[in-house]
């Protein structure tokens, strides 16, 4: 009888433990499928035959794998839409976003991924007809990508003729066709990006540095992305210094 009572008590304890474990598991947040929004910015990041590739891509994929997030997908959409969507869409990440004061409260900032220097580029034809100085360039036609870090910087710096487009490669065409005068771009990867446009890239000339404080691009998340997801990502990234080009 005593043995049966002990056995009953053990079974009750085991069942109680299992019940508590089930409750704990059900209490853990179930992470939904995650959208990772990326930019067509060769060679830093781009999609090739459905695969996310580039210098930033390797670092980002490593963080996502270490964070054990479950199911996620990389999506290439126009950058202006990606920047807006990543503000509010649940469980959404964005790669390559500049952490500017105006954006600070719009996103959850996970980890820096790359640090870049920027310059203005033009053509010999433009330089023959116009003197490009720190003062005169502000009244020249500048090609930017809508809502990019450089676009925001140019607009806040007193430039008066801004021609913004959805994709960076469009600016190469416009510059070659004399529809704009200068392009602000990453000095480390300008020529590699130009090659994809099939222009004679030696016709582009570096003219002036872009005077900009924010040079680091981040992996960020929407404000509605689950806090557990952000915690895992930050732990996986260990907030290491940005990858230098």
C-alpha atoms as a PDB file:
ATOM      1  CA  UNK A   1       0.000   0.000   0.000  1.00  0.00           C
ATOM      2  CA  UNK A   2       2.819   2.326   0.935  1.00  0.00           C
ATOM      3  CA  UNK A   3       4.649   1.448  -2.285  1.00  0.00           C
ATOM      4  CA  UNK A   4       1.506   2.214  -4.316  1.00  0.00           C
ATOM      5  CA  UNK A   5       1.156   5.615  -2.614  1.00  0.00           C
ATOM      6  CA  UNK A   6       4.751   6.473  -3.403  1.00  0.00           C
ATOM      7  CA  UNK A   7       4.247   5.415  -7.019  1.00  0.00           C
ATOM      8  CA  UNK A   8       1.096   7.547  -7.255  1.00  0.00           C
ATOM      9  CA  UNK A   9       2.964  10.533  -5.821  1.00  0.00           C
ATOM     10  CA  UNK A  10       5.797  10.073  -8.322  1.00  0.00           C
ATOM     11  CA  UNK A  11       3.358   9.894 -11.217  1.00  0.00           C
ATOM     12  CA  UNK A  12       1.570  13.006 -10.001  1.00  0.00           C
ATOM     13  CA  UNK A  13       4.893  14.861  -9.695  1.00  0.00           C
ATOM     14  CA  UNK A  14       5.902  13.763 -13.193  1.00  0.00           C
ATOM     15  CA  UNK A  15       2.576  14.859 -14.688  1.00  0.00           C
ATOM     16  CA  UNK A  16       2.780  18.192 -12.894  1.00  0.00           C
ATOM     17  CA  UNK A  17       6.294  18.757 -14.226  1.00  0.00           C
ATOM     18  CA  UNK A  18       5.191  17.908 -17.751  1.00  0.00           C
ATOM     19  CA  UNK A  19       2.250  20.300 -17.452  1.00  0.00           C
ATOM     20  CA  UNK A  20       4.495  23.115 -16.292  1.00  0.00           C
ATOM     21  CA  UNK A  21       6.928  22.393 -19.130  1.00  0.00           C
ATOM     22  CA  UNK A  22       4.120  22.514 -21.686  1.00  0.00           C
ATOM     23  CA  UNK A  23       2.935  25.840 -20.291  1.00  0.00           C
ATOM     24  CA  UNK A  24       6.451  27.230 -20.450  1.00  0.00           C
ATOM     25  CA  UNK A  25       6.810  26.129 -24.066  1.00  0.00           C
ATOM     26  CA  UNK A  26       3.457  27.591 -25.030  1.00  0.00           C
ATOM     27  CA  UNK A  27       4.397  30.829 -23.265  1.00  0.00           C
ATOM     28  CA  UNK A  28       7.496  31.237 -25.448  1.00  0.00           C
ATOM     29  CA  UNK A  29       6.820  33.521 -28.417  1.00  0.00           C
ATOM     30  CA  UNK A  30       6.379  31.640 -31.665  1.00  0.00           C
ATOM     31  CA  UNK A  31       8.388  33.512 -34.265  1.00  0.00           C
ATOM     32  CA  UNK A  32       6.527  33.958 -37.522  1.00  0.00           C
ATOM     33  CA  UNK A  33       8.127  33.874 -40.944  1.00  0.00           C
ATOM     34  CA  UNK A  34      10.574  36.747 -41.259  1.00  0.00           C
ATOM     35  CA  UNK A  35      10.966  39.031 -44.267  1.00  0.00           C
ATOM     36  CA  UNK A  36      14.487  40.361 -44.819  1.00  0.00           C
ATOM     37  CA  UNK A  37      14.377  43.360 -47.159  1.00  0.00           C
ATOM     38  CA  UNK A  38      17.543  43.967 -49.184  1.00  0.00           C
ATOM     39  CA  UNK A  39      18.780  46.484 -51.736  1.00  0.00           C
ATOM     40  CA  UNK A  40      20.160  46.020 -55.225  1.00  0.00           C
ATOM     41  CA  UNK A  41      23.555  47.541 -54.374  1.00  0.00           C
ATOM     42  CA  UNK A  42      26.211  45.439 -56.084  1.00  0.00           C
ATOM     43  CA  UNK A  43      28.745  44.358 -54.841  1.00  0.00           C
ATOM     44  CA  UNK A  44      27.580  44.994 -51.264  1.00  0.00           C
ATOM     45  CA  UNK A  45      24.273  43.151 -51.588  1.00  0.00           C
ATOM     46  CA  UNK A  46      22.147  41.926 -54.476  1.00  0.00           C
ATOM     47  CA  UNK A  47      19.976  39.027 -55.612  1.00  0.00           C
ATOM     48  CA  UNK A  48      21.340  36.604 -58.214  1.00  0.00           C
ATOM     49  CA  UNK A  49      19.027  33.876 -59.504  1.00  0.00           C
ATOM     50  CA  UNK A  50      17.006  34.072 -56.332  1.00  0.00           C
ATOM     51  CA  UNK A  51      20.032  33.937 -54.016  1.00  0.00           C
ATOM     52  CA  UNK A  52      21.076  36.767 -51.711  1.00  0.00           C
ATOM     53  CA  UNK A  53      24.749  37.568 -52.328  1.00  0.00           C
ATOM     54  CA  UNK A  54      27.407  40.218 -51.709  1.00  0.00           C
ATOM     55  CA  UNK A  55      29.845  41.434 -49.071  1.00  0.00           C
ATOM     56  CA  UNK A  56      27.125  42.372 -46.601  1.00  0.00           C
ATOM     57  CA  UNK A  57      25.088  39.285 -47.437  1.00  0.00           C
ATOM     58  CA  UNK A  58      27.618  36.848 -45.985  1.00  0.00           C
ATOM     59  CA  UNK A  59      27.712  38.689 -42.669  1.00  0.00           C
ATOM     60  CA  UNK A  60      23.927  39.031 -42.479  1.00  0.00           C
ATOM     61  CA  UNK A  61      23.281  35.376 -43.328  1.00  0.00           C
ATOM     62  CA  UNK A  62      25.755  34.313 -40.654  1.00  0.00           C
ATOM     63  CA  UNK A  63      23.910  36.371 -38.012  1.00  0.00           C
ATOM     64  CA  UNK A  64      20.518  34.991 -39.055  1.00  0.00           C
ATOM     65  CA  UNK A  65      21.746  31.402 -38.904  1.00  0.00           C
ATOM     66  CA  UNK A  66      23.358  31.841 -35.486  1.00  0.00           C
ATOM     67  CA  UNK A  67      20.168  33.453 -34.151  1.00  0.00           C
ATOM     68  CA  UNK A  68      18.183  30.297 -35.024  1.00  0.00           C
ATOM     69  CA  UNK A  69      15.167  32.285 -36.157  1.00  0.00           C
ATOM     70  CA  UNK A  70      13.437  29.558 -38.094  1.00  0.00           C
ATOM     71  CA  UNK A  71      11.969  30.481 -41.468  1.00  0.00           C
ATOM     72  CA  UNK A  72      13.015  33.687 -43.229  1.00  0.00           C
ATOM     73  CA  UNK A  73      13.163  34.947 -46.810  1.00  0.00           C
ATOM     74  CA  UNK A  74      15.169  37.645 -48.579  1.00  0.00           C
ATOM     75  CA  UNK A  75      13.078  40.072 -50.630  1.00  0.00           C
ATOM     76  CA  UNK A  76      14.324  42.634 -53.128  1.00  0.00           C
ATOM     77  CA  UNK A  77      11.851  45.484 -53.567  1.00  0.00           C
ATOM     78  CA  UNK A  78      12.381  49.162 -54.515  1.00  0.00           C
ATOM     79  CA  UNK A  79      14.390  50.774 -51.723  1.00  0.00           C
ATOM     80  CA  UNK A  80      11.907  53.593 -50.984  1.00  0.00           C
ATOM     81  CA  UNK A  81       9.183  50.995 -50.349  1.00  0.00           C
ATOM     82  CA  UNK A  82      11.544  48.819 -48.319  1.00  0.00           C
ATOM     83  CA  UNK A  83      12.454  51.729 -46.028  1.00  0.00           C
ATOM     84  CA  UNK A  84       8.775  52.486 -45.375  1.00  0.00           C
ATOM     85  CA  UNK A  85       7.670  48.861 -45.049  1.00  0.00           C
ATOM     86  CA  UNK A  86      10.424  48.098 -42.545  1.00  0.00           C
ATOM     87  CA  UNK A  87       9.042  50.736 -40.186  1.00  0.00           C
ATOM     88  CA  UNK A  88       5.761  48.999 -39.397  1.00  0.00           C
ATOM     89  CA  UNK A  89       5.522  45.496 -40.930  1.00  0.00           C
ATOM     90  CA  UNK A  90       5.731  42.804 -38.202  1.00  0.00           C
ATOM     91  CA  UNK A  91       8.806  40.545 -38.156  1.00  0.00           C
ATOM     92  CA  UNK A  92      10.556  42.514 -40.874  1.00  0.00           C
ATOM     93  CA  UNK A  93      14.289  43.201 -41.149  1.00  0.00           C
ATOM     94  CA  UNK A  94      16.077  45.579 -43.506  1.00  0.00           C
ATOM     95  CA  UNK A  95      19.734  45.346 -44.533  1.00  0.00           C
ATOM     96  CA  UNK A  96      21.948  48.343 -45.294  1.00  0.00           C
ATOM     97  CA  UNK A  97      20.021  51.123 -43.556  1.00  0.00           C
ATOM     98  CA  UNK A  98      21.835  54.255 -42.401  1.00  0.00           C
ATOM     99  CA  UNK A  99      21.227  55.120 -38.751  1.00  0.00           C
ATOM    100  CA  UNK A 100      20.428  58.814 -38.994  1.00  0.00           C
ATOM    101  CA  UNK A 101      18.873  61.001 -36.267  1.00  0.00           C
ATOM    102  CA  UNK A 102      15.609  61.278 -38.211  1.00  0.00           C
ATOM    103  CA  UNK A 103      15.317  57.475 -38.343  1.00  0.00           C
ATOM    104  CA  UNK A 104      16.418  56.683 -34.805  1.00  0.00           C
ATOM    105  CA  UNK A 105      12.921  56.122 -33.385  1.00  0.00           C
ATOM    106  CA  UNK A 106      11.483  54.432 -36.487  1.00  0.00           C
ATOM    107  CA  UNK A 107      13.396  51.141 -36.228  1.00  0.00           C
ATOM    108  CA  UNK A 108      14.986  48.690 -33.818  1.00  0.00           C
ATOM    109  CA  UNK A 109      18.712  48.771 -34.573  1.00  0.00           C
ATOM    110  CA  UNK A 110      20.338  45.340 -34.479  1.00  0.00           C
ATOM    111  CA  UNK A 111      23.955  45.584 -35.620  1.00  0.00           C
ATOM    112  CA  UNK A 112      26.209  47.579 -37.981  1.00  0.00           C
ATOM    113  CA  UNK A 113      27.198  45.659 -41.106  1.00  0.00           C
ATOM    114  CA  UNK A 114      29.430  47.923 -43.199  1.00  0.00           C
ATOM    115  CA  UNK A 115      31.238  51.273 -43.057  1.00  0.00           C
ATOM    116  CA  UNK A 116      31.774  53.289 -46.237  1.00  0.00           C
ATOM    117  CA  UNK A 117      33.252  56.526 -47.602  1.00  0.00           C
ATOM    118  CA  UNK A 118      31.373  58.544 -50.216  1.00  0.00           C
ATOM    119  CA  UNK A 119      32.319  60.851 -53.080  1.00  0.00           C
ATOM    120  CA  UNK A 120      30.627  62.816 -55.838  1.00  0.00           C
ATOM    121  CA  UNK A 121      31.237  61.543 -59.370  1.00  0.00           C
ATOM    122  CA  UNK A 122      30.796  63.334 -62.684  1.00  0.00           C
ATOM    123  CA  UNK A 123      32.076  63.133 -66.260  1.00  0.00           C
ATOM    124  CA  UNK A 124      34.844  64.965 -68.087  1.00  0.00           C
ATOM    125  CA  UNK A 125      32.193  66.542 -70.291  1.00  0.00           C
ATOM    126  CA  UNK A 126      30.435  68.114 -67.312  1.00  0.00           C
ATOM    127  CA  UNK A 127      33.720  69.238 -65.775  1.00  0.00           C
ATOM    128  CA  UNK A 128      34.703  71.012 -69.012  1.00  0.00           C
ATOM    129  CA  UNK A 129      31.527  73.084 -68.983  1.00  0.00           C
ATOM    130  CA  UNK A 130      31.117  73.650 -65.232  1.00  0.00           C
ATOM    131  CA  UNK A 131      33.434  74.392 -62.361  1.00  0.00           C
ATOM    132  CA  UNK A 132      32.671  71.948 -59.540  1.00  0.00           C
ATOM    133  CA  UNK A 133      33.405  73.322 -56.076  1.00  0.00           C
ATOM    134  CA  UNK A 134      31.925  72.763 -52.628  1.00  0.00           C
ATOM    135  CA  UNK A 135      29.772  75.822 -53.229  1.00  0.00           C
ATOM    136  CA  UNK A 136      28.787  75.391 -56.886  1.00  0.00           C
ATOM    137  CA  UNK A 137      27.881  71.717 -56.542  1.00  0.00           C
ATOM    138  CA  UNK A 138      24.858  72.623 -54.407  1.00  0.00           C
ATOM    139  CA  UNK A 139      23.184  74.243 -57.411  1.00  0.00           C
ATOM    140  CA  UNK A 140      24.038  71.417 -59.811  1.00  0.00           C
ATOM    141  CA  UNK A 141      21.753  68.530 -60.816  1.00  0.00           C
ATOM    142  CA  UNK A 142      22.387  65.685 -58.376  1.00  0.00           C
ATOM    143  CA  UNK A 143      21.197  62.128 -58.937  1.00  0.00           C
ATOM    144  CA  UNK A 144      20.186  60.183 -55.815  1.00  0.00           C
ATOM    145  CA  UNK A 145      18.190  57.090 -54.848  1.00  0.00           C
ATOM    146  CA  UNK A 146      14.826  57.926 -53.292  1.00  0.00           C
ATOM    147  CA  UNK A 147      14.897  57.938 -49.477  1.00  0.00           C
ATOM    148  CA  UNK A 148      18.459  56.619 -49.289  1.00  0.00           C
ATOM    149  CA  UNK A 149      20.903  57.960 -46.722  1.00  0.00           C
ATOM    150  CA  UNK A 150      22.639  60.046 -49.405  1.00  0.00           C
ATOM    151  CA  UNK A 151      19.310  61.360 -50.680  1.00  0.00           C
ATOM    152  CA  UNK A 152      18.353  62.536 -47.186  1.00  0.00           C
ATOM    153  CA  UNK A 153      21.788  64.053 -46.622  1.00  0.00           C
ATOM    154  CA  UNK A 154      21.744  65.929 -49.939  1.00  0.00           C
ATOM    155  CA  UNK A 155      18.274  67.322 -49.232  1.00  0.00           C
ATOM    156  CA  UNK A 156      19.315  68.480 -45.754  1.00  0.00           C
ATOM    157  CA  UNK A 157      22.523  70.104 -47.019  1.00  0.00           C
ATOM    158  CA  UNK A 158      21.028  72.843 -49.171  1.00  0.00           C
ATOM    159  CA  UNK A 159      21.213  71.242 -52.622  1.00  0.00           C
ATOM    160  CA  UNK A 160      18.584  72.753 -54.906  1.00  0.00           C
ATOM    161  CA  UNK A 161      18.329  70.359 -57.894  1.00  0.00           C
ATOM    162  CA  UNK A 162      17.807  66.794 -56.706  1.00  0.00           C
ATOM    163  CA  UNK A 163      16.789  64.116 -59.201  1.00  0.00           C
ATOM    164  CA  UNK A 164      15.865  60.991 -57.219  1.00  0.00           C
ATOM    165  CA  UNK A 165      15.213  57.583 -58.788  1.00  0.00           C
ATOM    166  CA  UNK A 166      14.194  54.161 -57.403  1.00  0.00           C
ATOM    167  CA  UNK A 167      17.372  52.331 -58.532  1.00  0.00           C
ATOM    168  CA  UNK A 168      21.000  53.484 -58.435  1.00  0.00           C
ATOM    169  CA  UNK A 169      21.889  52.213 -61.922  1.00  0.00           C
ATOM    170  CA  UNK A 170      19.408  54.690 -63.422  1.00  0.00           C
ATOM    171  CA  UNK A 171      21.701  57.510 -62.348  1.00  0.00           C
ATOM    172  CA  UNK A 172      24.565  56.174 -64.471  1.00  0.00           C
ATOM    173  CA  UNK A 173      22.332  56.407 -67.547  1.00  0.00           C
ATOM    174  CA  UNK A 174      21.175  59.907 -66.639  1.00  0.00           C
ATOM    175  CA  UNK A 175      24.722  61.127 -66.069  1.00  0.00           C
ATOM    176  CA  UNK A 176      25.906  59.725 -69.382  1.00  0.00           C
ATOM    177  CA  UNK A 177      22.959  61.365 -71.165  1.00  0.00           C
ATOM    178  CA  UNK A 178      23.646  64.752 -69.528  1.00  0.00           C
ATOM    179  CA  UNK A 179      20.388  64.713 -67.564  1.00  0.00           C
ATOM    180  CA  UNK A 180      22.237  65.158 -64.260  1.00  0.00           C
ATOM    181  CA  UNK A 181      25.672  66.562 -63.384  1.00  0.00           C
ATOM    182  CA  UNK A 182      26.909  64.509 -60.416  1.00  0.00           C
ATOM    183  CA  UNK A 183      26.212  61.296 -58.472  1.00  0.00           C
ATOM    184  CA  UNK A 184      27.052  60.728 -54.795  1.00  0.00           C
ATOM    185  CA  UNK A 185      28.194  57.131 -54.283  1.00  0.00           C
ATOM    186  CA  UNK A 186      30.380  54.778 -52.253  1.00  0.00           C
ATOM    187  CA  UNK A 187      33.994  55.349 -53.253  1.00  0.00           C
ATOM    188  CA  UNK A 188      34.951  51.737 -52.521  1.00  0.00           C
ATOM    189  CA  UNK A 189      32.473  50.142 -54.909  1.00  0.00           C
ATOM    190  CA  UNK A 190      31.567  52.799 -57.487  1.00  0.00           C
ATOM    191  CA  UNK A 191      33.440  51.178 -60.368  1.00  0.00           C
ATOM    192  CA  UNK A 192      32.154  47.684 -59.562  1.00  0.00           C
ATOM    193  CA  UNK A 193      28.607  49.017 -59.626  1.00  0.00           C
ATOM    194  CA  UNK A 194      29.261  50.871 -62.868  1.00  0.00           C
ATOM    195  CA  UNK A 195      30.425  47.732 -64.668  1.00  0.00           C
ATOM    196  CA  UNK A 196      26.912  46.288 -64.412  1.00  0.00           C
ATOM    197  CA  UNK A 197      25.516  49.219 -66.395  1.00  0.00           C
ATOM    198  CA  UNK A 198      27.798  48.391 -69.364  1.00  0.00           C
ATOM    199  CA  UNK A 199      28.937  51.986 -69.683  1.00  0.00           C
ATOM    200  CA  UNK A 200      32.546  53.018 -70.270  1.00  0.00           C
ATOM    201  CA  UNK A 201      33.239  53.479 -66.563  1.00  0.00           C
ATOM    202  CA  UNK A 202      36.518  55.307 -67.156  1.00  0.00           C
ATOM    203  CA  UNK A 203      34.441  58.266 -68.322  1.00  0.00           C
ATOM    204  CA  UNK A 204      33.297  58.831 -64.733  1.00  0.00           C
ATOM    205  CA  UNK A 205      35.524  61.040 -62.579  1.00  0.00           C
ATOM    206  CA  UNK A 206      35.714  61.437 -58.794  1.00  0.00           C
ATOM    207  CA  UNK A 207      35.316  65.149 -58.041  1.00  0.00           C
ATOM    208  CA  UNK A 208      34.635  65.870 -54.348  1.00  0.00           C
ATOM    209  CA  UNK A 209      34.133  63.941 -51.099  1.00  0.00           C
ATOM    210  CA  UNK A 210      30.630  63.866 -49.647  1.00  0.00           C
ATOM    211  CA  UNK A 211      30.725  65.653 -46.295  1.00  0.00           C
ATOM    212  CA  UNK A 212      28.613  63.217 -44.299  1.00  0.00           C
ATOM    213  CA  UNK A 213      28.940  62.017 -40.701  1.00  0.00           C
ATOM    214  CA  UNK A 214      26.863  58.824 -40.992  1.00  0.00           C
ATOM    215  CA  UNK A 215      28.933  56.290 -42.910  1.00  0.00           C
ATOM    216  CA  UNK A 216      27.791  53.056 -41.304  1.00  0.00           C
ATOM    217  CA  UNK A 217      24.946  50.903 -42.631  1.00  0.00           C
ATOM    218  CA  UNK A 218      22.929  48.689 -40.265  1.00  0.00           C
ATOM    219  CA  UNK A 219      20.763  45.626 -40.014  1.00  0.00           C
ATOM    220  CA  UNK A 220      17.546  46.989 -38.509  1.00  0.00           C
ATOM    221  CA  UNK A 221      14.011  45.798 -37.749  1.00  0.00           C
ATOM    222  CA  UNK A 222      10.553  47.286 -37.635  1.00  0.00           C
ATOM    223  CA  UNK A 223       9.232  48.553 -34.323  1.00  0.00           C
ATOM    224  CA  UNK A 224       6.568  45.816 -34.425  1.00  0.00           C
ATOM    225  CA  UNK A 225       9.106  43.000 -34.767  1.00  0.00           C
ATOM    226  CA  UNK A 226       9.005  40.688 -31.737  1.00  0.00           C
ATOM    227  CA  UNK A 227      11.470  41.569 -28.958  1.00  0.00           C
ATOM    228  CA  UNK A 228      12.596  37.944 -28.665  1.00  0.00           C
ATOM    229  CA  UNK A 229      13.689  38.038 -32.302  1.00  0.00           C
ATOM    230  CA  UNK A 230      15.678  41.229 -31.708  1.00  0.00           C
ATOM    231  CA  UNK A 231      17.310  39.700 -28.625  1.00  0.00           C
ATOM    232  CA  UNK A 232      18.426  36.618 -30.550  1.00  0.00           C
ATOM    233  CA  UNK A 233      19.789  38.703 -33.420  1.00  0.00           C
ATOM    234  CA  UNK A 234      21.788  40.997 -31.157  1.00  0.00           C
ATOM    235  CA  UNK A 235      23.225  38.060 -29.257  1.00  0.00           C
ATOM    236  CA  UNK A 236      24.167  36.347 -32.512  1.00  0.00           C
ATOM    237  CA  UNK A 237      25.772  39.512 -33.897  1.00  0.00           C
ATOM    238  CA  UNK A 238      27.455  40.384 -30.599  1.00  0.00           C
ATOM    239  CA  UNK A 239      27.295  43.953 -31.925  1.00  0.00           C
ATOM    240  CA  UNK A 240      30.713  43.632 -33.521  1.00  0.00           C
ATOM    241  CA  UNK A 241      32.379  46.503 -35.438  1.00  0.00           C
ATOM    242  CA  UNK A 242      31.158  47.047 -39.004  1.00  0.00           C
ATOM    243  CA  UNK A 243      32.845  45.219 -41.856  1.00  0.00           C
ATOM    244  CA  UNK A 244      35.327  47.503 -43.562  1.00  0.00           C
ATOM    245  CA  UNK A 245      35.302  47.568 -47.365  1.00  0.00           C
END
